[in-house]
Structure formats: C-alpha cells, structure tokens
Amino acid sequence: DGTYAETLKSHPEQHSRVEFDEFRAALAKLPPDQREALILVGASGFSYEEAAAICDCAVGTIKSRVNRARTRLSGLLSIEGTDDFGPDHATRAILSAGGRG
C-alpha cells in the first residue's frame, strides 16, 4: 500500500526552499546579458568559447559577464566564500570561480 515506502523518502527542509527562492530572486536582479552568460557557462556547462558563439560576442566579453554576475550574486546573497554555498551542484557551479574554457 506504499506506507513503508512513504516512511523512507525524505522531505526537503523549508530552509532549502527559502535559499532557492532567494537565489532565484537574486538571479533575476542581474542584467540579462550577465544572467545569460552565467547560466550558459555555470549551469549549462558550455565553455566560454561556446557561450561566446551563442551570444555572438567575444570570449573576453563572456568571461567579464560571468565574473560580474558571480560577483553581483555573491553580494546579493551575502556569500563570502565557498563554505557559504548550498549543497546543490548547480548552485555551486554557477557561483564558483570554475567553469570550462
């Protein structure tokens, strides 16, 4: 009847939901070009070169946009270092200084 299975699943904590909502709100505050570059490189996994081709701009422009977006998001979310990141892989990828390219 599913009763035992129901006891095995874990429910997300309310705290995580609030953090995700805060992240989405902060992401929405970025200029569209920075948000696009950040999502392409940080969340979608495109290289800087691939993102530049998609956005029809120079690779250096994409790198600048991603850097500005990460800096702005860090400020909006009061992030001081990687220890402040949530456990979510996509969130870490977007905000970390890494990225292909």
PDB file of N, CA and C in Angstrom:
ATOM      1  N   ASP A   1       0.802  -1.200   0.000  1.00  0.00           N
ATOM      2  CA  ASP A   1       0.000   0.000   0.000  1.00  0.00           C
ATOM      3  C   ASP A   1       0.849   1.271   0.000  1.00  0.00           C
ATOM      4  N   GLY A   2       2.165   1.146   0.048  1.00  0.00           N
ATOM      5  CA  GLY A   2       3.038   2.308  -0.032  1.00  0.00           C
ATOM      6  C   GLY A   2       3.339   2.972   1.292  1.00  0.00           C
ATOM      7  N   THR A   3       2.803   2.449   2.377  1.00  0.00           N
ATOM      8  CA  THR A   3       3.015   3.074   3.681  1.00  0.00           C
ATOM      9  C   THR A   3       4.479   3.027   4.079  1.00  0.00           C
ATOM     10  N   TYR A   4       5.111   1.863   3.915  1.00  0.00           N
ATOM     11  CA  TYR A   4       6.524   1.743   4.274  1.00  0.00           C
ATOM     12  C   TYR A   4       7.391   2.621   3.372  1.00  0.00           C
ATOM     13  N   ALA A   5       7.111   2.625   2.081  1.00  0.00           N
ATOM     14  CA  ALA A   5       7.879   3.449   1.147  1.00  0.00           C
ATOM     15  C   ALA A   5       7.770   4.926   1.510  1.00  0.00           C
ATOM     16  N   GLU A   6       6.612   5.342   1.951  1.00  0.00           N
ATOM     17  CA  GLU A   6       6.407   6.735   2.345  1.00  0.00           C
ATOM     18  C   GLU A   6       7.314   7.118   3.511  1.00  0.00           C
ATOM     19  N   THR A   7       7.587   6.179   4.406  1.00  0.00           N
ATOM     20  CA  THR A   7       8.444   6.484   5.552  1.00  0.00           C
ATOM     21  C   THR A   7       9.910   6.596   5.149  1.00  0.00           C
ATOM     22  N   LEU A   8      10.283   6.040   4.008  1.00  0.00           N
ATOM     23  CA  LEU A   8      11.675   6.049   3.576  1.00  0.00           C
ATOM     24  C   LEU A   8      12.074   7.328   2.850  1.00  0.00           C
ATOM     25  N   LYS A   9      11.138   7.972   2.219  1.00  0.00           N
ATOM     26  CA  LYS A   9      11.515   9.165   1.466  1.00  0.00           C
ATOM     27  C   LYS A   9      11.730  10.335   2.412  1.00  0.00           C
ATOM     28  N   SER A  10      12.666  11.183   2.039  1.00  0.00           N
ATOM     29  CA  SER A  10      12.936  12.344   2.881  1.00  0.00           C
ATOM     30  C   SER A  10      12.302  13.568   2.244  1.00  0.00           C
ATOM     31  N   HIS A  11      11.771  14.406   3.065  1.00  0.00           N
ATOM     32  CA  HIS A  11      11.141  15.628   2.599  1.00  0.00           C
ATOM     33  C   HIS A  11      12.148  16.769   2.691  1.00  0.00           C
ATOM     34  N   PRO A  12      12.206  17.634   1.684  1.00  0.00           N
ATOM     35  CA  PRO A  12      13.146  18.751   1.745  1.00  0.00           C
ATOM     36  C   PRO A  12      12.808  19.678   2.902  1.00  0.00           C
ATOM     37  N   GLU A  13      13.847  20.246   3.462  1.00  0.00           N
ATOM     38  CA  GLU A  13      13.635  21.166   4.560  1.00  0.00           C
ATOM     39  C   GLU A  13      13.164  22.514   4.031  1.00  0.00           C
ATOM     40  N   GLN A  14      12.385  23.196   4.806  1.00  0.00           N
ATOM     41  CA  GLN A  14      11.880  24.513   4.426  1.00  0.00           C
ATOM     42  C   GLN A  14      13.031  25.480   4.186  1.00  0.00           C
ATOM     43  N   HIS A  15      14.099  25.348   4.947  1.00  0.00           N
ATOM     44  CA  HIS A  15      15.254  26.231   4.835  1.00  0.00           C
ATOM     45  C   HIS A  15      15.836  26.193   3.422  1.00  0.00           C
ATOM     46  N   SER A  16      15.940  25.009   2.838  1.00  0.00           N
ATOM     47  CA  SER A  16      16.478  24.871   1.485  1.00  0.00           C
ATOM     48  C   SER A  16      15.593  25.577   0.471  1.00  0.00           C
ATOM     49  N   ARG A  17      14.308  25.490   0.657  1.00  0.00           N
ATOM     50  CA  ARG A  17      13.361  26.138  -0.254  1.00  0.00           C
ATOM     51  C   ARG A  17      13.530  27.654  -0.205  1.00  0.00           C
ATOM     52  N   VAL A  18      13.714  28.189   0.985  1.00  0.00           N
ATOM     53  CA  VAL A  18      13.905  29.628   1.138  1.00  0.00           C
ATOM     54  C   VAL A  18      15.196  30.051   0.444  1.00  0.00           C
ATOM     55  N   GLU A  19      16.270  29.284   0.620  1.00  0.00           N
ATOM     56  CA  GLU A  19      17.535  29.613  -0.024  1.00  0.00           C
ATOM     57  C   GLU A  19      17.395  29.587  -1.544  1.00  0.00           C
ATOM     58  N   PHE A  20      16.684  28.596  -2.071  1.00  0.00           N
ATOM     59  CA  PHE A  20      16.490  28.517  -3.511  1.00  0.00           C
ATOM     60  C   PHE A  20      15.696  29.718  -4.012  1.00  0.00           C
ATOM     61  N   ASP A  21      14.667  30.095  -3.286  1.00  0.00           N
ATOM     62  CA  ASP A  21      13.869  31.263  -3.670  1.00  0.00           C
ATOM     63  C   ASP A  21      14.715  32.532  -3.645  1.00  0.00           C
ATOM     64  N   GLU A  22      15.584  32.657  -2.648  1.00  0.00           N
ATOM     65  CA  GLU A  22      16.479  33.816  -2.571  1.00  0.00           C
ATOM     66  C   GLU A  22      17.443  33.826  -3.755  1.00  0.00           C
ATOM     67  N   PHE A  23      17.938  32.652  -4.123  1.00  0.00           N
ATOM     68  CA  PHE A  23      18.852  32.552  -5.257  1.00  0.00           C
ATOM     69  C   PHE A  23      18.144  32.963  -6.547  1.00  0.00           C
ATOM     70  N   ARG A  24      16.939  32.465  -6.754  1.00  0.00           N
ATOM     71  CA  ARG A  24      16.182  32.821  -7.962  1.00  0.00           C
ATOM     72  C   ARG A  24      15.911  34.319  -8.016  1.00  0.00           C
ATOM     73  N   ALA A  25      15.567  34.911  -6.879  1.00  0.00           N
ATOM     74  CA  ALA A  25      15.303  36.351  -6.837  1.00  0.00           C
ATOM     75  C   ALA A  25      16.574  37.139  -7.150  1.00  0.00           C
ATOM     76  N   ALA A  26      17.702  36.707  -6.604  1.00  0.00           N
ATOM     77  CA  ALA A  26      18.975  37.383  -6.871  1.00  0.00           C
ATOM     78  C   ALA A  26      19.361  37.230  -8.339  1.00  0.00           C
ATOM     79  N   LEU A  27      19.172  36.056  -8.893  1.00  0.00           N
ATOM     80  CA  LEU A  27      19.482  35.812 -10.303  1.00  0.00           C
ATOM     81  C   LEU A  27      18.645  36.730 -11.196  1.00  0.00           C
ATOM     82  N   ALA A  28      17.405  36.941 -10.827  1.00  0.00           N
ATOM     83  CA  ALA A  28      16.513  37.803 -11.609  1.00  0.00           C
ATOM     84  C   ALA A  28      16.954  39.268 -11.582  1.00  0.00           C
ATOM     85  N   LYS A  29      17.738  39.654 -10.584  1.00  0.00           N
ATOM     86  CA  LYS A  29      18.203  41.041 -10.470  1.00  0.00           C
ATOM     87  C   LYS A  29      19.411  41.334 -11.355  1.00  0.00           C
ATOM     88  N   LEU A  30      20.021  40.296 -11.901  1.00  0.00           N
ATOM     89  CA  LEU A  30      21.174  40.512 -12.776  1.00  0.00           C
ATOM     90  C   LEU A  30      20.733  41.090 -14.110  1.00  0.00           C
ATOM     91  N   PRO A  31      21.597  41.885 -14.749  1.00  0.00           N
ATOM     92  CA  PRO A  31      21.288  42.325 -16.109  1.00  0.00           C
ATOM     93  C   PRO A  31      21.142  41.095 -17.016  1.00  0.00           C
ATOM     94  N   PRO A  32      20.266  41.156 -17.998  1.00  0.00           N
ATOM     95  CA  PRO A  32      20.010  39.984 -18.846  1.00  0.00           C
ATOM     96  C   PRO A  32      21.263  39.381 -19.488  1.00  0.00           C
ATOM     97  N   ASP A  33      22.203  40.218 -19.941  1.00  0.00           N
ATOM     98  CA  ASP A  33      23.396  39.670 -20.586  1.00  0.00           C
ATOM     99  C   ASP A  33      24.271  38.907 -19.595  1.00  0.00           C
ATOM    100  N   GLN A  34      24.361  39.388 -18.360  1.00  0.00           N
ATOM    101  CA  GLN A  34      25.136  38.684 -17.339  1.00  0.00           C
ATOM    102  C   GLN A  34      24.450  37.390 -16.921  1.00  0.00           C
ATOM    103  N   ARG A  35      23.137  37.455 -16.759  1.00  0.00           N
ATOM    104  CA  ARG A  35      22.374  36.261 -16.375  1.00  0.00           C
ATOM    105  C   ARG A  35      22.516  35.180 -17.443  1.00  0.00           C
ATOM    106  N   GLU A  36      22.398  35.573 -18.710  1.00  0.00           N
ATOM    107  CA  GLU A  36      22.519  34.613 -19.803  1.00  0.00           C
ATOM    108  C   GLU A  36      23.899  33.963 -19.809  1.00  0.00           C
ATOM    109  N   ALA A  37      24.946  34.765 -19.686  1.00  0.00           N
ATOM    110  CA  ALA A  37      26.311  34.230 -19.692  1.00  0.00           C
ATOM    111  C   ALA A  37      26.531  33.287 -18.515  1.00  0.00           C
ATOM    112  N   LEU A  38      26.050  33.677 -17.355  1.00  0.00           N
ATOM    113  CA  LEU A  38      26.221  32.860 -16.156  1.00  0.00           C
ATOM    114  C   LEU A  38      25.498  31.524 -16.284  1.00  0.00           C
ATOM    115  N   ILE A  39      24.293  31.545 -16.800  1.00  0.00           N
ATOM    116  CA  ILE A  39      23.527  30.309 -16.960  1.00  0.00           C
ATOM    117  C   ILE A  39      24.175  29.407 -18.009  1.00  0.00           C
ATOM    118  N   LEU A  40      24.627  29.992 -19.107  1.00  0.00           N
ATOM    119  CA  LEU A  40      25.271  29.185 -20.147  1.00  0.00           C
ATOM    120  C   LEU A  40      26.532  28.497 -19.630  1.00  0.00           C
ATOM    121  N   VAL A  41      27.389  29.258 -18.960  1.00  0.00           N
ATOM    122  CA  VAL A  41      28.673  28.720 -18.505  1.00  0.00           C
ATOM    123  C   VAL A  41      28.527  27.947 -17.198  1.00  0.00           C
ATOM    124  N   GLY A  42      27.844  28.545 -16.232  1.00  0.00           N
ATOM    125  CA  GLY A  42      27.782  27.949 -14.901  1.00  0.00           C
ATOM    126  C   GLY A  42      26.808  26.808 -14.758  1.00  0.00           C
ATOM    127  N   ALA A  43      25.630  26.946 -15.324  1.00  0.00           N
ATOM    128  CA  ALA A  43      24.596  25.928 -15.122  1.00  0.00           C
ATOM    129  C   ALA A  43      24.495  24.948 -16.283  1.00  0.00           C
ATOM    130  N   SER A  44      24.667  25.443 -17.500  1.00  0.00           N
ATOM    131  CA  SER A  44      24.500  24.570 -18.666  1.00  0.00           C
ATOM    132  C   SER A  44      25.791  23.885 -19.086  1.00  0.00           C
ATOM    133  N   GLY A  45      26.916  24.348 -18.563  1.00  0.00           N
ATOM    134  CA  GLY A  45      28.185  23.677 -18.820  1.00  0.00           C
ATOM    135  C   GLY A  45      28.858  24.019 -20.136  1.00  0.00           C
ATOM    136  N   PHE A  46      28.410  25.075 -20.795  1.00  0.00           N
ATOM    137  CA  PHE A  46      29.077  25.472 -22.030  1.00  0.00           C
ATOM    138  C   PHE A  46      30.436  26.079 -21.699  1.00  0.00           C
ATOM    139  N   SER A  47      31.385  25.918 -22.609  1.00  0.00           N
ATOM    140  CA  SER A  47      32.678  26.578 -22.440  1.00  0.00           C
ATOM    141  C   SER A  47      32.485  28.063 -22.715  1.00  0.00           C
ATOM    142  N   TYR A  48      33.476  28.859 -22.340  1.00  0.00           N
ATOM    143  CA  TYR A  48      33.400  30.290 -22.630  1.00  0.00           C
ATOM    144  C   TYR A  48      33.302  30.514 -24.141  1.00  0.00           C
ATOM    145  N   GLU A  49      34.033  29.714 -24.892  1.00  0.00           N
ATOM    146  CA  GLU A  49      34.013  29.847 -26.348  1.00  0.00           C
ATOM    147  C   GLU A  49      32.631  29.529 -26.921  1.00  0.00           C
ATOM    148  N   GLU A  50      32.019  28.457 -26.413  1.00  0.00           N
ATOM    149  CA  GLU A  50      30.678  28.085 -26.876  1.00  0.00           C
ATOM    150  C   GLU A  50      29.654  29.158 -26.503  1.00  0.00           C
ATOM    151  N   ALA A  51      29.754  29.664 -25.280  1.00  0.00           N
ATOM    152  CA  ALA A  51      28.826  30.709 -24.838  1.00  0.00           C
ATOM    153  C   ALA A  51      29.003  31.972 -25.671  1.00  0.00           C
ATOM    154  N   ALA A  52      30.245  32.298 -26.005  1.00  0.00           N
ATOM    155  CA  ALA A  52      30.508  33.479 -26.837  1.00  0.00           C
ATOM    156  C   ALA A  52      29.869  33.318 -28.215  1.00  0.00           C
ATOM    157  N   ALA A  53      29.953  32.124 -28.769  1.00  0.00           N
ATOM    158  CA  ALA A  53      29.338  31.874 -30.075  1.00  0.00           C
ATOM    159  C   ALA A  53      27.815  31.997 -29.988  1.00  0.00           C
ATOM    160  N   ILE A  54      27.234  31.471 -28.928  1.00  0.00           N
ATOM    161  CA  ILE A  54      25.783  31.549 -28.739  1.00  0.00           C
ATOM    162  C   ILE A  54      25.337  33.002 -28.598  1.00  0.00           C
ATOM    163  N   CYS A  55      26.112  33.787 -27.846  1.00  0.00           N
ATOM    164  CA  CYS A  55      25.754  35.189 -27.584  1.00  0.00           C
ATOM    165  C   CYS A  55      26.265  36.142 -28.658  1.00  0.00           C
ATOM    166  N   ASP A  56      27.017  35.606 -29.608  1.00  0.00           N
ATOM    167  CA  ASP A  56      27.574  36.407 -30.698  1.00  0.00           C
ATOM    168  C   ASP A  56      28.417  37.569 -30.169  1.00  0.00           C
ATOM    169  N   CYS A  57      29.370  37.212 -29.295  1.00  0.00           N
ATOM    170  CA  CYS A  57      30.277  38.220 -28.752  1.00  0.00           C
ATOM    171  C   CYS A  57      31.642  37.576 -28.519  1.00  0.00           C
ATOM    172  N   ALA A  58      32.597  38.371 -28.088  1.00  0.00           N
ATOM    173  CA  ALA A  58      33.953  37.884 -27.852  1.00  0.00           C
ATOM    174  C   ALA A  58      34.019  37.025 -26.585  1.00  0.00           C
ATOM    175  N   VAL A  59      34.980  36.111 -26.550  1.00  0.00           N
ATOM    176  CA  VAL A  59      35.177  35.251 -25.382  1.00  0.00           C
ATOM    177  C   VAL A  59      35.454  36.101 -24.144  1.00  0.00           C
ATOM    178  N   GLY A  60      36.258  37.143 -24.298  1.00  0.00           N
ATOM    179  CA  GLY A  60      36.560  38.031 -23.175  1.00  0.00           C
ATOM    180  C   GLY A  60      35.315  38.698 -22.611  1.00  0.00           C
ATOM    181  N   THR A  61      34.372  38.993 -23.477  1.00  0.00           N
ATOM    182  CA  THR A  61      33.112  39.596 -23.036  1.00  0.00           C
ATOM    183  C   THR A  61      32.330  38.618 -22.170  1.00  0.00           C
ATOM    184  N   ILE A  62      32.290  37.360 -22.586  1.00  0.00           N
ATOM    185  CA  ILE A  62      31.596  36.332 -21.794  1.00  0.00           C
ATOM    186  C   ILE A  62      32.273  36.172 -20.442  1.00  0.00           C
ATOM    187  N   LYS A  63      33.599  36.116 -20.438  1.00  0.00           N
ATOM    188  CA  LYS A  63      34.325  35.971 -19.169  1.00  0.00           C
ATOM    189  C   LYS A  63      34.020  37.137 -18.236  1.00  0.00           C
ATOM    190  N   SER A  64      33.985  38.339 -18.777  1.00  0.00           N
ATOM    191  CA  SER A  64      33.667  39.521 -17.966  1.00  0.00           C
ATOM    192  C   SER A  64      32.246  39.453 -17.425  1.00  0.00           C
ATOM    193  N   ARG A  65      31.310  39.072 -18.280  1.00  0.00           N
ATOM    194  CA  ARG A  65      29.910  38.985 -17.850  1.00  0.00           C
ATOM    195  C   ARG A  65      29.729  37.946 -16.750  1.00  0.00           C
ATOM    196  N   VAL A  66      30.368  36.799 -16.916  1.00  0.00           N
ATOM    197  CA  VAL A  66      30.261  35.743 -15.905  1.00  0.00           C
ATOM    198  C   VAL A  66      30.879  36.216 -14.593  1.00  0.00           C
ATOM    199  N   ASN A  67      32.036  36.844 -14.674  1.00  0.00           N
ATOM    200  CA  ASN A  67      32.695  37.338 -13.466  1.00  0.00           C
ATOM    201  C   ASN A  67      31.841  38.390 -12.758  1.00  0.00           C
ATOM    202  N   ARG A  68      31.301  39.334 -13.519  1.00  0.00           N
ATOM    203  CA  ARG A  68      30.444  40.362 -12.919  1.00  0.00           C
ATOM    204  C   ARG A  68      29.192  39.750 -12.305  1.00  0.00           C
ATOM    205  N   ALA A  69      28.616  38.772 -12.995  1.00  0.00           N
ATOM    206  CA  ALA A  69      27.407  38.118 -12.485  1.00  0.00           C
ATOM    207  C   ALA A  69      27.696  37.376 -11.182  1.00  0.00           C
ATOM    208  N   ARG A  70      28.795  36.652 -11.141  1.00  0.00           N
ATOM    209  CA  ARG A  70      29.158  35.921  -9.913  1.00  0.00           C
ATOM    210  C   ARG A  70      29.414  36.881  -8.760  1.00  0.00           C
ATOM    211  N   THR A  71      30.108  37.960  -9.055  1.00  0.00           N
ATOM    212  CA  THR A  71      30.396  38.954  -8.019  1.00  0.00           C
ATOM    213  C   THR A  71      29.111  39.575  -7.495  1.00  0.00           C
ATOM    214  N   ARG A  72      28.220  39.932  -8.400  1.00  0.00           N
ATOM    215  CA  ARG A  72      26.940  40.550  -8.012  1.00  0.00           C
ATOM    216  C   ARG A  72      26.084  39.573  -7.211  1.00  0.00           C
ATOM    217  N   LEU A  73      26.008  38.315  -7.664  1.00  0.00           N
ATOM    218  CA  LEU A  73      25.231  37.315  -6.927  1.00  0.00           C
ATOM    219  C   LEU A  73      25.800  37.099  -5.530  1.00  0.00           C
ATOM    220  N   SER A  74      27.112  37.043  -5.437  1.00  0.00           N
ATOM    221  CA  SER A  74      27.743  36.867  -4.126  1.00  0.00           C
ATOM    222  C   SER A  74      27.345  37.990  -3.181  1.00  0.00           C
ATOM    223  N   GLY A  75      27.320  39.212  -3.700  1.00  0.00           N
ATOM    224  CA  GLY A  75      26.913  40.346  -2.879  1.00  0.00           C
ATOM    225  C   GLY A  75      25.445  40.287  -2.496  1.00  0.00           C
ATOM    226  N   LEU A  76      24.603  39.964  -3.459  1.00  0.00           N
ATOM    227  CA  LEU A  76      23.165  39.894  -3.192  1.00  0.00           C
ATOM    228  C   LEU A  76      22.822  38.806  -2.179  1.00  0.00           C
ATOM    229  N   LEU A  77      23.579  37.721  -2.211  1.00  0.00           N
ATOM    230  CA  LEU A  77      23.299  36.588  -1.327  1.00  0.00           C
ATOM    231  C   LEU A  77      24.189  36.579  -0.089  1.00  0.00           C
ATOM    232  N   SER A  78      24.997  37.616   0.081  1.00  0.00           N
ATOM    233  CA  SER A  78      25.913  37.725   1.226  1.00  0.00           C
ATOM    234  C   SER A  78      26.829  36.514   1.334  1.00  0.00           C
ATOM    235  N   ILE A  79      27.397  36.117   0.206  1.00  0.00           N
ATOM    236  CA  ILE A  79      28.312  34.976   0.167  1.00  0.00           C
ATOM    237  C   ILE A  79      29.736  35.498   0.269  1.00  0.00           C
ATOM    238  N   GLU A  80      30.461  34.958   1.231  1.00  0.00           N
ATOM    239  CA  GLU A  80      31.834  35.394   1.432  1.00  0.00           C
ATOM    240  C   GLU A  80      32.847  34.360   0.968  1.00  0.00           C
ATOM    241  N   GLY A  81      32.428  33.117   0.819  1.00  0.00           N
ATOM    242  CA  GLY A  81      33.331  32.062   0.385  1.00  0.00           C
ATOM    243  C   GLY A  81      32.561  30.812   0.031  1.00  0.00           C
ATOM    244  N   THR A  82      33.276  29.787  -0.434  1.00  0.00           N
ATOM    245  CA  THR A  82      32.607  28.566  -0.875  1.00  0.00           C
ATOM    246  C   THR A  82      31.901  27.837   0.258  1.00  0.00           C
ATOM    247  N   ASP A  83      32.287  28.074   1.496  1.00  0.00           N
ATOM    248  CA  ASP A  83      31.606  27.433   2.621  1.00  0.00           C
ATOM    249  C   ASP A  83      30.170  27.924   2.774  1.00  0.00           C
ATOM    250  N   ASP A  84      29.867  29.084   2.191  1.00  0.00           N
ATOM    251  CA  ASP A  84      28.518  29.632   2.270  1.00  0.00           C
ATOM    252  C   ASP A  84      27.582  29.055   1.211  1.00  0.00           C
ATOM    253  N   PHE A  85      28.106  28.287   0.255  1.00  0.00           N
ATOM    254  CA  PHE A  85      27.277  27.729  -0.814  1.00  0.00           C
ATOM    255  C   PHE A  85      26.444  26.589  -0.284  1.00  0.00           C
ATOM    256  N   GLY A  86      25.278  26.433  -0.874  1.00  0.00           N
ATOM    257  CA  GLY A  86      24.427  25.309  -0.531  1.00  0.00           C
ATOM    258  C   GLY A  86      24.969  24.034  -1.144  1.00  0.00           C
ATOM    259  N   PRO A  87      24.379  22.910  -0.785  1.00  0.00           N
ATOM    260  CA  PRO A  87      24.859  21.628  -1.288  1.00  0.00           C
ATOM    261  C   PRO A  87      24.469  21.357  -2.736  1.00  0.00           C
ATOM    262  N   ASP A  88      23.622  22.181  -3.306  1.00  0.00           N
ATOM    263  CA  ASP A  88      23.129  21.976  -4.656  1.00  0.00           C
ATOM    264  C   ASP A  88      24.249  22.146  -5.678  1.00  0.00           C
ATOM    265  N   HIS A  89      24.452  21.148  -6.537  1.00  0.00           N
ATOM    266  CA  HIS A  89      25.538  21.165  -7.520  1.00  0.00           C
ATOM    267  C   HIS A  89      25.414  22.338  -8.488  1.00  0.00           C
ATOM    268  N   ALA A  90      24.229  22.603  -8.969  1.00  0.00           N
ATOM    269  CA  ALA A  90      24.047  23.699  -9.930  1.00  0.00           C
ATOM    270  C   ALA A  90      24.376  25.041  -9.292  1.00  0.00           C
ATOM    271  N   THR A  91      23.980  25.222  -8.044  1.00  0.00           N
ATOM    272  CA  THR A  91      24.286  26.470  -7.347  1.00  0.00           C
ATOM    273  C   THR A  91      25.784  26.629  -7.191  1.00  0.00           C
ATOM    274  N   ARG A  92      26.465  25.560  -6.797  1.00  0.00           N
ATOM    275  CA  ARG A  92      27.922  25.623  -6.656  1.00  0.00           C
ATOM    276  C   ARG A  92      28.584  25.933  -7.995  1.00  0.00           C
ATOM    277  N   ALA A  93      28.121  25.312  -9.058  1.00  0.00           N
ATOM    278  CA  ALA A  93      28.721  25.516 -10.375  1.00  0.00           C
ATOM    279  C   ALA A  93      28.563  26.955 -10.840  1.00  0.00           C
ATOM    280  N   ILE A  94      27.400  27.521 -10.612  1.00  0.00           N
ATOM    281  CA  ILE A  94      27.142  28.883 -11.062  1.00  0.00           C
ATOM    282  C   ILE A  94      27.990  29.890 -10.302  1.00  0.00           C
ATOM    283  N   LEU A  95      28.104  29.714  -9.007  1.00  0.00           N
ATOM    284  CA  LEU A  95      28.774  30.711  -8.193  1.00  0.00           C
ATOM    285  C   LEU A  95      30.271  30.494  -8.031  1.00  0.00           C
ATOM    286  N   SER A  96      30.750  29.309  -8.324  1.00  0.00           N
ATOM    287  CA  SER A  96      32.174  29.054  -8.136  1.00  0.00           C
ATOM    288  C   SER A  96      32.989  29.746  -9.217  1.00  0.00           C
ATOM    289  N   ALA A  97      34.239  29.889  -8.978  1.00  0.00           N
ATOM    290  CA  ALA A  97      35.116  30.552  -9.946  1.00  0.00           C
ATOM    291  C   ALA A  97      35.500  29.624 -11.082  1.00  0.00           C
ATOM    292  N   GLY A  98      35.062  28.385 -11.038  1.00  0.00           N
ATOM    293  CA  GLY A  98      35.408  27.412 -12.072  1.00  0.00           C
ATOM    294  C   GLY A  98      34.642  27.638 -13.346  1.00  0.00           C
ATOM    295  N   GLY A  99      34.636  26.649 -14.161  1.00  0.00           N
ATOM    296  CA  GLY A  99      33.973  26.729 -15.457  1.00  0.00           C
ATOM    297  C   GLY A  99      34.931  26.278 -16.527  1.00  0.00           C
ATOM    298  N   ARG A 100      34.398  25.738 -17.573  1.00  0.00           N
ATOM    299  CA  ARG A 100      35.250  25.270 -18.666  1.00  0.00           C
ATOM    300  C   ARG A 100      35.647  26.446 -19.517  1.00  0.00           C
ATOM    301  N   GLY A 101      36.803  26.365 -20.089  1.00  0.00           N
ATOM    302  CA  GLY A 101      37.196  27.384 -21.040  1.00  0.00           C
ATOM    303  C   GLY A 101      38.391  28.055 -20.598  1.00  0.00           C
TER     304      GLY A 101
END
